[in-house]
Amino acid sequence: MDDLATEILDLVKVKMKEQGAYDRASYEELIEETTEYFYEKGKITDDDNIEFIKDELLQMYEIVKDQLAD
């Protein structure tokens, strides 16, 4: 996973903890919100393969859920 995806994932984890949102639907929504936020802030550009990054993060749901359960 590249640095950008890691940075997005770290923020998603923080939001999950803050909101107590651990189900898959919430995870998907937080990925969407966070990628939009990064785009607005200029951390993501049109040159980035955002769909690939989102897919990569979505595939990590079970790992993230297990990490947050510890």
PDB file of N, CA and C in Angstrom:
ATOM      1  N   MET A   1       0.852  -1.176   0.000  1.00  0.00           N
ATOM      2  CA  MET A   1       0.000   0.000   0.000  1.00  0.00           C
ATOM      3  C   MET A   1       0.897   1.237   0.000  1.00  0.00           C
ATOM      4  N   ASP A   2       0.533   2.211  -0.811  1.00  0.00           N
ATOM      5  CA  ASP A   2       1.366   3.409  -0.898  1.00  0.00           C
ATOM      6  C   ASP A   2       1.090   4.376   0.258  1.00  0.00           C
ATOM      7  N   ASP A   3       1.885   5.423   0.339  1.00  0.00           N
ATOM      8  CA  ASP A   3       1.791   6.373   1.450  1.00  0.00           C
ATOM      9  C   ASP A   3       0.434   7.066   1.502  1.00  0.00           C
ATOM     10  N   LEU A   4      -0.107   7.406   0.346  1.00  0.00           N
ATOM     11  CA  LEU A   4      -1.399   8.084   0.295  1.00  0.00           C
ATOM     12  C   LEU A   4      -2.506   7.190   0.846  1.00  0.00           C
ATOM     13  N   ALA A   5      -2.530   5.944   0.434  1.00  0.00           N
ATOM     14  CA  ALA A   5      -3.537   4.997   0.927  1.00  0.00           C
ATOM     15  C   ALA A   5      -3.389   4.788   2.436  1.00  0.00           C
ATOM     16  N   THR A   6      -2.152   4.712   2.905  1.00  0.00           N
ATOM     17  CA  THR A   6      -1.903   4.552   4.337  1.00  0.00           C
ATOM     18  C   THR A   6      -2.408   5.757   5.116  1.00  0.00           C
ATOM     19  N   GLU A   7      -2.173   6.937   4.584  1.00  0.00           N
ATOM     20  CA  GLU A   7      -2.629   8.160   5.241  1.00  0.00           C
ATOM     21  C   GLU A   7      -4.164   8.212   5.305  1.00  0.00           C
ATOM     22  N   ILE A   8      -4.810   7.819   4.226  1.00  0.00           N
ATOM     23  CA  ILE A   8      -6.280   7.770   4.202  1.00  0.00           C
ATOM     24  C   ILE A   8      -6.770   6.756   5.223  1.00  0.00           C
ATOM     25  N   LEU A   9      -6.171   5.581   5.231  1.00  0.00           N
ATOM     26  CA  LEU A   9      -6.587   4.526   6.148  1.00  0.00           C
ATOM     27  C   LEU A   9      -6.411   4.956   7.607  1.00  0.00           C
ATOM     28  N   ASP A  10      -5.322   5.624   7.916  1.00  0.00           N
ATOM     29  CA  ASP A  10      -5.097   6.090   9.288  1.00  0.00           C
ATOM     30  C   ASP A  10      -6.212   7.041   9.727  1.00  0.00           C
ATOM     31  N   LEU A  11      -6.618   7.945   8.851  1.00  0.00           N
ATOM     32  CA  LEU A  11      -7.687   8.881   9.188  1.00  0.00           C
ATOM     33  C   LEU A  11      -9.027   8.166   9.297  1.00  0.00           C
ATOM     34  N   VAL A  12      -9.257   7.191   8.441  1.00  0.00           N
ATOM     35  CA  VAL A  12     -10.497   6.400   8.515  1.00  0.00           C
ATOM     36  C   VAL A  12     -10.577   5.690   9.868  1.00  0.00           C
ATOM     37  N   LYS A  13      -9.474   5.120  10.315  1.00  0.00           N
ATOM     38  CA  LYS A  13      -9.452   4.426  11.616  1.00  0.00           C
ATOM     39  C   LYS A  13      -9.783   5.385  12.753  1.00  0.00           C
ATOM     40  N   VAL A  14      -9.234   6.586  12.707  1.00  0.00           N
ATOM     41  CA  VAL A  14      -9.519   7.588  13.733  1.00  0.00           C
ATOM     42  C   VAL A  14     -11.010   7.911  13.736  1.00  0.00           C
ATOM     43  N   LYS A  15     -11.569   8.118  12.566  1.00  0.00           N
ATOM     44  CA  LYS A  15     -12.995   8.439  12.463  1.00  0.00           C
ATOM     45  C   LYS A  15     -13.864   7.289  12.951  1.00  0.00           C
ATOM     46  N   MET A  16     -13.460   6.065  12.644  1.00  0.00           N
ATOM     47  CA  MET A  16     -14.217   4.900  13.100  1.00  0.00           C
ATOM     48  C   MET A  16     -14.269   4.874  14.622  1.00  0.00           C
ATOM     49  N   LYS A  17     -13.122   5.099  15.250  1.00  0.00           N
ATOM     50  CA  LYS A  17     -13.061   5.098  16.709  1.00  0.00           C
ATOM     51  C   LYS A  17     -13.905   6.229  17.290  1.00  0.00           C
ATOM     52  N   GLU A  18     -13.776   7.423  16.722  1.00  0.00           N
ATOM     53  CA  GLU A  18     -14.517   8.581  17.232  1.00  0.00           C
ATOM     54  C   GLU A  18     -16.020   8.389  17.124  1.00  0.00           C
ATOM     55  N   GLN A  19     -16.453   7.790  16.020  1.00  0.00           N
ATOM     56  CA  GLN A  19     -17.882   7.653  15.763  1.00  0.00           C
ATOM     57  C   GLN A  19     -18.448   6.319  16.236  1.00  0.00           C
ATOM     58  N   GLY A  20     -17.585   5.415  16.661  1.00  0.00           N
ATOM     59  CA  GLY A  20     -18.036   4.092  17.065  1.00  0.00           C
ATOM     60  C   GLY A  20     -18.669   3.354  15.894  1.00  0.00           C
ATOM     61  N   ALA A  21     -18.174   3.634  14.701  1.00  0.00           N
ATOM     62  CA  ALA A  21     -18.744   3.085  13.473  1.00  0.00           C
ATOM     63  C   ALA A  21     -17.838   1.976  12.956  1.00  0.00           C
ATOM     64  N   TYR A  22     -18.179   0.734  13.281  1.00  0.00           N
ATOM     65  CA  TYR A  22     -17.298  -0.372  12.941  1.00  0.00           C
ATOM     66  C   TYR A  22     -17.875  -1.322  11.892  1.00  0.00           C
ATOM     67  N   ASP A  23     -19.091  -1.076  11.424  1.00  0.00           N
ATOM     68  CA  ASP A  23     -19.671  -1.971  10.426  1.00  0.00           C
ATOM     69  C   ASP A  23     -19.131  -1.618   9.038  1.00  0.00           C
ATOM     70  N   ARG A  24     -19.321  -2.524   8.113  1.00  0.00           N
ATOM     71  CA  ARG A  24     -18.755  -2.358   6.767  1.00  0.00           C
ATOM     72  C   ARG A  24     -19.331  -1.146   6.047  1.00  0.00           C
ATOM     73  N   ALA A  25     -20.620  -0.910   6.181  1.00  0.00           N
ATOM     74  CA  ALA A  25     -21.241   0.237   5.497  1.00  0.00           C
ATOM     75  C   ALA A  25     -20.623   1.549   5.986  1.00  0.00           C
ATOM     76  N   SER A  26     -20.397   1.660   7.276  1.00  0.00           N
ATOM     77  CA  SER A  26     -19.771   2.866   7.831  1.00  0.00           C
ATOM     78  C   SER A  26     -18.340   3.002   7.340  1.00  0.00           C
ATOM     79  N   TYR A  27     -17.636   1.887   7.289  1.00  0.00           N
ATOM     80  CA  TYR A  27     -16.250   1.881   6.798  1.00  0.00           C
ATOM     81  C   TYR A  27     -16.201   2.396   5.363  1.00  0.00           C
ATOM     82  N   GLU A  28     -17.095   1.893   4.521  1.00  0.00           N
ATOM     83  CA  GLU A  28     -17.138   2.324   3.125  1.00  0.00           C
ATOM     84  C   GLU A  28     -17.455   3.816   3.026  1.00  0.00           C
ATOM     85  N   GLU A  29     -18.399   4.278   3.837  1.00  0.00           N
ATOM     86  CA  GLU A  29     -18.775   5.696   3.833  1.00  0.00           C
ATOM     87  C   GLU A  29     -17.604   6.576   4.287  1.00  0.00           C
ATOM     88  N   LEU A  30     -16.886   6.128   5.303  1.00  0.00           N
ATOM     89  CA  LEU A  30     -15.747   6.903   5.793  1.00  0.00           C
ATOM     90  C   LEU A  30     -14.610   6.948   4.772  1.00  0.00           C
ATOM     91  N   ILE A  31     -14.422   5.878   4.029  1.00  0.00           N
ATOM     92  CA  ILE A  31     -13.419   5.901   2.957  1.00  0.00           C
ATOM     93  C   ILE A  31     -13.822   6.939   1.917  1.00  0.00           C
ATOM     94  N   GLU A  32     -15.090   6.945   1.549  1.00  0.00           N
ATOM     95  CA  GLU A  32     -15.580   7.909   0.567  1.00  0.00           C
ATOM     96  C   GLU A  32     -15.396   9.347   1.067  1.00  0.00           C
ATOM     97  N   GLU A  33     -15.810   9.598   2.306  1.00  0.00           N
ATOM     98  CA  GLU A  33     -15.678  10.937   2.900  1.00  0.00           C
ATOM     99  C   GLU A  33     -14.211  11.376   2.965  1.00  0.00           C
ATOM    100  N   THR A  34     -13.360  10.472   3.374  1.00  0.00           N
ATOM    101  CA  THR A  34     -11.948  10.802   3.557  1.00  0.00           C
ATOM    102  C   THR A  34     -11.257  11.056   2.223  1.00  0.00           C
ATOM    103  N   THR A  35     -11.574  10.255   1.217  1.00  0.00           N
ATOM    104  CA  THR A  35     -10.963  10.499  -0.092  1.00  0.00           C
ATOM    105  C   THR A  35     -11.454  11.822  -0.671  1.00  0.00           C
ATOM    106  N   GLU A  36     -12.716  12.157  -0.460  1.00  0.00           N
ATOM    107  CA  GLU A  36     -13.225  13.455  -0.911  1.00  0.00           C
ATOM    108  C   GLU A  36     -12.516  14.593  -0.183  1.00  0.00           C
ATOM    109  N   TYR A  37     -12.310  14.431   1.115  1.00  0.00           N
ATOM    110  CA  TYR A  37     -11.610  15.434   1.916  1.00  0.00           C
ATOM    111  C   TYR A  37     -10.182  15.625   1.388  1.00  0.00           C
ATOM    112  N   PHE A  38      -9.481  14.540   1.131  1.00  0.00           N
ATOM    113  CA  PHE A  38      -8.114  14.623   0.614  1.00  0.00           C
ATOM    114  C   PHE A  38      -8.099  15.298  -0.749  1.00  0.00           C
ATOM    115  N   TYR A  39      -9.111  15.029  -1.563  1.00  0.00           N
ATOM    116  CA  TYR A  39      -9.198  15.661  -2.882  1.00  0.00           C
ATOM    117  C   TYR A  39      -9.394  17.169  -2.741  1.00  0.00           C
ATOM    118  N   GLU A  40     -10.291  17.556  -1.839  1.00  0.00           N
ATOM    119  CA  GLU A  40     -10.549  18.981  -1.600  1.00  0.00           C
ATOM    120  C   GLU A  40      -9.302  19.697  -1.094  1.00  0.00           C
ATOM    121  N   LYS A  41      -8.508  19.020  -0.294  1.00  0.00           N
ATOM    122  CA  LYS A  41      -7.299  19.618   0.282  1.00  0.00           C
ATOM    123  C   LYS A  41      -6.102  19.553  -0.667  1.00  0.00           C
ATOM    124  N   GLY A  42      -6.273  18.893  -1.808  1.00  0.00           N
ATOM    125  CA  GLY A  42      -5.193  18.809  -2.783  1.00  0.00           C
ATOM    126  C   GLY A  42      -4.212  17.680  -2.554  1.00  0.00           C
ATOM    127  N   LYS A  43      -4.499  16.814  -1.590  1.00  0.00           N
ATOM    128  CA  LYS A  43      -3.607  15.674  -1.349  1.00  0.00           C
ATOM    129  C   LYS A  43      -3.828  14.588  -2.398  1.00  0.00           C
ATOM    130  N   ILE A  44      -5.023  14.583  -2.995  1.00  0.00           N
ATOM    131  CA  ILE A  44      -5.340  13.682  -4.093  1.00  0.00           C
ATOM    132  C   ILE A  44      -5.611  14.555  -5.305  1.00  0.00           C
ATOM    133  N   THR A  45      -5.035  14.171  -6.425  1.00  0.00           N
ATOM    134  CA  THR A  45      -5.252  14.916  -7.666  1.00  0.00           C
ATOM    135  C   THR A  45      -5.916  13.995  -8.690  1.00  0.00           C
ATOM    136  N   ASP A  46      -6.256  14.563  -9.824  1.00  0.00           N
ATOM    137  CA  ASP A  46      -6.852  13.769 -10.893  1.00  0.00           C
ATOM    138  C   ASP A  46      -5.868  12.740 -11.441  1.00  0.00           C
ATOM    139  N   ASP A  47      -4.576  12.939 -11.171  1.00  0.00           N
ATOM    140  CA  ASP A  47      -3.561  11.992 -11.628  1.00  0.00           C
ATOM    141  C   ASP A  47      -3.516  10.728 -10.775  1.00  0.00           C
ATOM    142  N   ASP A  48      -4.046  10.787  -9.554  1.00  0.00           N
ATOM    143  CA  ASP A  48      -4.056   9.619  -8.669  1.00  0.00           C
ATOM    144  C   ASP A  48      -5.158   8.654  -9.112  1.00  0.00           C
ATOM    145  N   ASN A  49      -4.881   7.382  -8.979  1.00  0.00           N
ATOM    146  CA  ASN A  49      -5.873   6.364  -9.322  1.00  0.00           C
ATOM    147  C   ASN A  49      -6.745   6.126  -8.091  1.00  0.00           C
ATOM    148  N   ILE A  50      -7.694   7.018  -7.889  1.00  0.00           N
ATOM    149  CA  ILE A  50      -8.501   6.999  -6.664  1.00  0.00           C
ATOM    150  C   ILE A  50      -9.362   5.743  -6.556  1.00  0.00           C
ATOM    151  N   GLU A  51      -9.860   5.242  -7.668  1.00  0.00           N
ATOM    152  CA  GLU A  51     -10.673   4.019  -7.618  1.00  0.00           C
ATOM    153  C   GLU A  51      -9.835   2.832  -7.156  1.00  0.00           C
ATOM    154  N   PHE A  52      -8.603   2.760  -7.606  1.00  0.00           N
ATOM    155  CA  PHE A  52      -7.710   1.689  -7.158  1.00  0.00           C
ATOM    156  C   PHE A  52      -7.451   1.804  -5.657  1.00  0.00           C
ATOM    157  N   ILE A  53      -7.209   3.017  -5.199  1.00  0.00           N
ATOM    158  CA  ILE A  53      -6.955   3.246  -3.772  1.00  0.00           C
ATOM    159  C   ILE A  53      -8.181   2.845  -2.953  1.00  0.00           C
ATOM    160  N   LYS A  54      -9.367   3.261  -3.384  1.00  0.00           N
ATOM    161  CA  LYS A  54     -10.599   2.903  -2.659  1.00  0.00           C
ATOM    162  C   LYS A  54     -10.785   1.390  -2.617  1.00  0.00           C
ATOM    163  N   ASP A  55     -10.590   0.724  -3.755  1.00  0.00           N
ATOM    164  CA  ASP A  55     -10.732  -0.734  -3.805  1.00  0.00           C
ATOM    165  C   ASP A  55      -9.749  -1.417  -2.860  1.00  0.00           C
ATOM    166  N   GLU A  56      -8.523  -0.916  -2.857  1.00  0.00           N
ATOM    167  CA  GLU A  56      -7.495  -1.467  -1.978  1.00  0.00           C
ATOM    168  C   GLU A  56      -7.913  -1.325  -0.508  1.00  0.00           C
ATOM    169  N   LEU A  57      -8.437  -0.158  -0.156  1.00  0.00           N
ATOM    170  CA  LEU A  57      -8.864   0.082   1.223  1.00  0.00           C
ATOM    171  C   LEU A  57     -10.087  -0.751   1.586  1.00  0.00           C
ATOM    172  N   LEU A  58     -11.028  -0.878   0.664  1.00  0.00           N
ATOM    173  CA  LEU A  58     -12.232  -1.669   0.930  1.00  0.00           C
ATOM    174  C   LEU A  58     -11.888  -3.133   1.195  1.00  0.00           C
ATOM    175  N   GLN A  59     -10.892  -3.643   0.503  1.00  0.00           N
ATOM    176  CA  GLN A  59     -10.471  -5.028   0.701  1.00  0.00           C
ATOM    177  C   GLN A  59      -9.826  -5.255   2.067  1.00  0.00           C
ATOM    178  N   MET A  60      -9.460  -4.196   2.732  1.00  0.00           N
ATOM    179  CA  MET A  60      -8.786  -4.300   4.031  1.00  0.00           C
ATOM    180  C   MET A  60      -9.755  -4.248   5.212  1.00  0.00           C
ATOM    181  N   TYR A  61     -11.048  -4.222   4.951  1.00  0.00           N
ATOM    182  CA  TYR A  61     -12.023  -4.048   6.029  1.00  0.00           C
ATOM    183  C   TYR A  61     -11.841  -5.046   7.174  1.00  0.00           C
ATOM    184  N   GLU A  62     -11.732  -6.329   6.867  1.00  0.00           N
ATOM    185  CA  GLU A  62     -11.627  -7.342   7.931  1.00  0.00           C
ATOM    186  C   GLU A  62     -10.377  -7.120   8.773  1.00  0.00           C
ATOM    187  N   ILE A  63      -9.277  -6.755   8.148  1.00  0.00           N
ATOM    188  CA  ILE A  63      -8.024  -6.498   8.869  1.00  0.00           C
ATOM    189  C   ILE A  63      -8.196  -5.300   9.794  1.00  0.00           C
ATOM    190  N   VAL A  64      -8.787  -4.252   9.260  1.00  0.00           N
ATOM    191  CA  VAL A  64      -9.002  -3.020  10.061  1.00  0.00           C
ATOM    192  C   VAL A  64      -9.929  -3.307  11.226  1.00  0.00           C
ATOM    193  N   LYS A  65     -11.011  -4.034  10.962  1.00  0.00           N
ATOM    194  CA  LYS A  65     -11.972  -4.372  12.021  1.00  0.00           C
ATOM    195  C   LYS A  65     -11.277  -5.159  13.137  1.00  0.00           C
ATOM    196  N   ASP A  66     -10.448  -6.122  12.760  1.00  0.00           N
ATOM    197  CA  ASP A  66      -9.725  -6.919  13.750  1.00  0.00           C
ATOM    198  C   ASP A  66      -8.733  -6.067  14.540  1.00  0.00           C
ATOM    199  N   GLN A  67      -8.047  -5.144  13.854  1.00  0.00           N
ATOM    200  CA  GLN A  67      -7.085  -4.262  14.535  1.00  0.00           C
ATOM    201  C   GLN A  67      -7.792  -3.384  15.567  1.00  0.00           C
ATOM    202  N   LEU A  68      -8.943  -2.878  15.219  1.00  0.00           N
ATOM    203  CA  LEU A  68      -9.669  -1.975  16.122  1.00  0.00           C
ATOM    204  C   LEU A  68     -10.343  -2.724  17.256  1.00  0.00           C
ATOM    205  N   ALA A  69     -10.558  -4.013  17.079  1.00  0.00           N
ATOM    206  CA  ALA A  69     -11.181  -4.824  18.139  1.00  0.00           C
ATOM    207  C   ALA A  69     -10.208  -5.129  19.268  1.00  0.00           C
ATOM    208  N   ASP A  70      -8.910  -5.040  18.966  1.00  0.00           N
ATOM    209  CA  ASP A  70      -7.885  -5.361  19.990  1.00  0.00           C
ATOM    210  C   ASP A  70      -7.832  -4.328  21.080  1.00  0.00           C
TER     211      ASP A  70
END
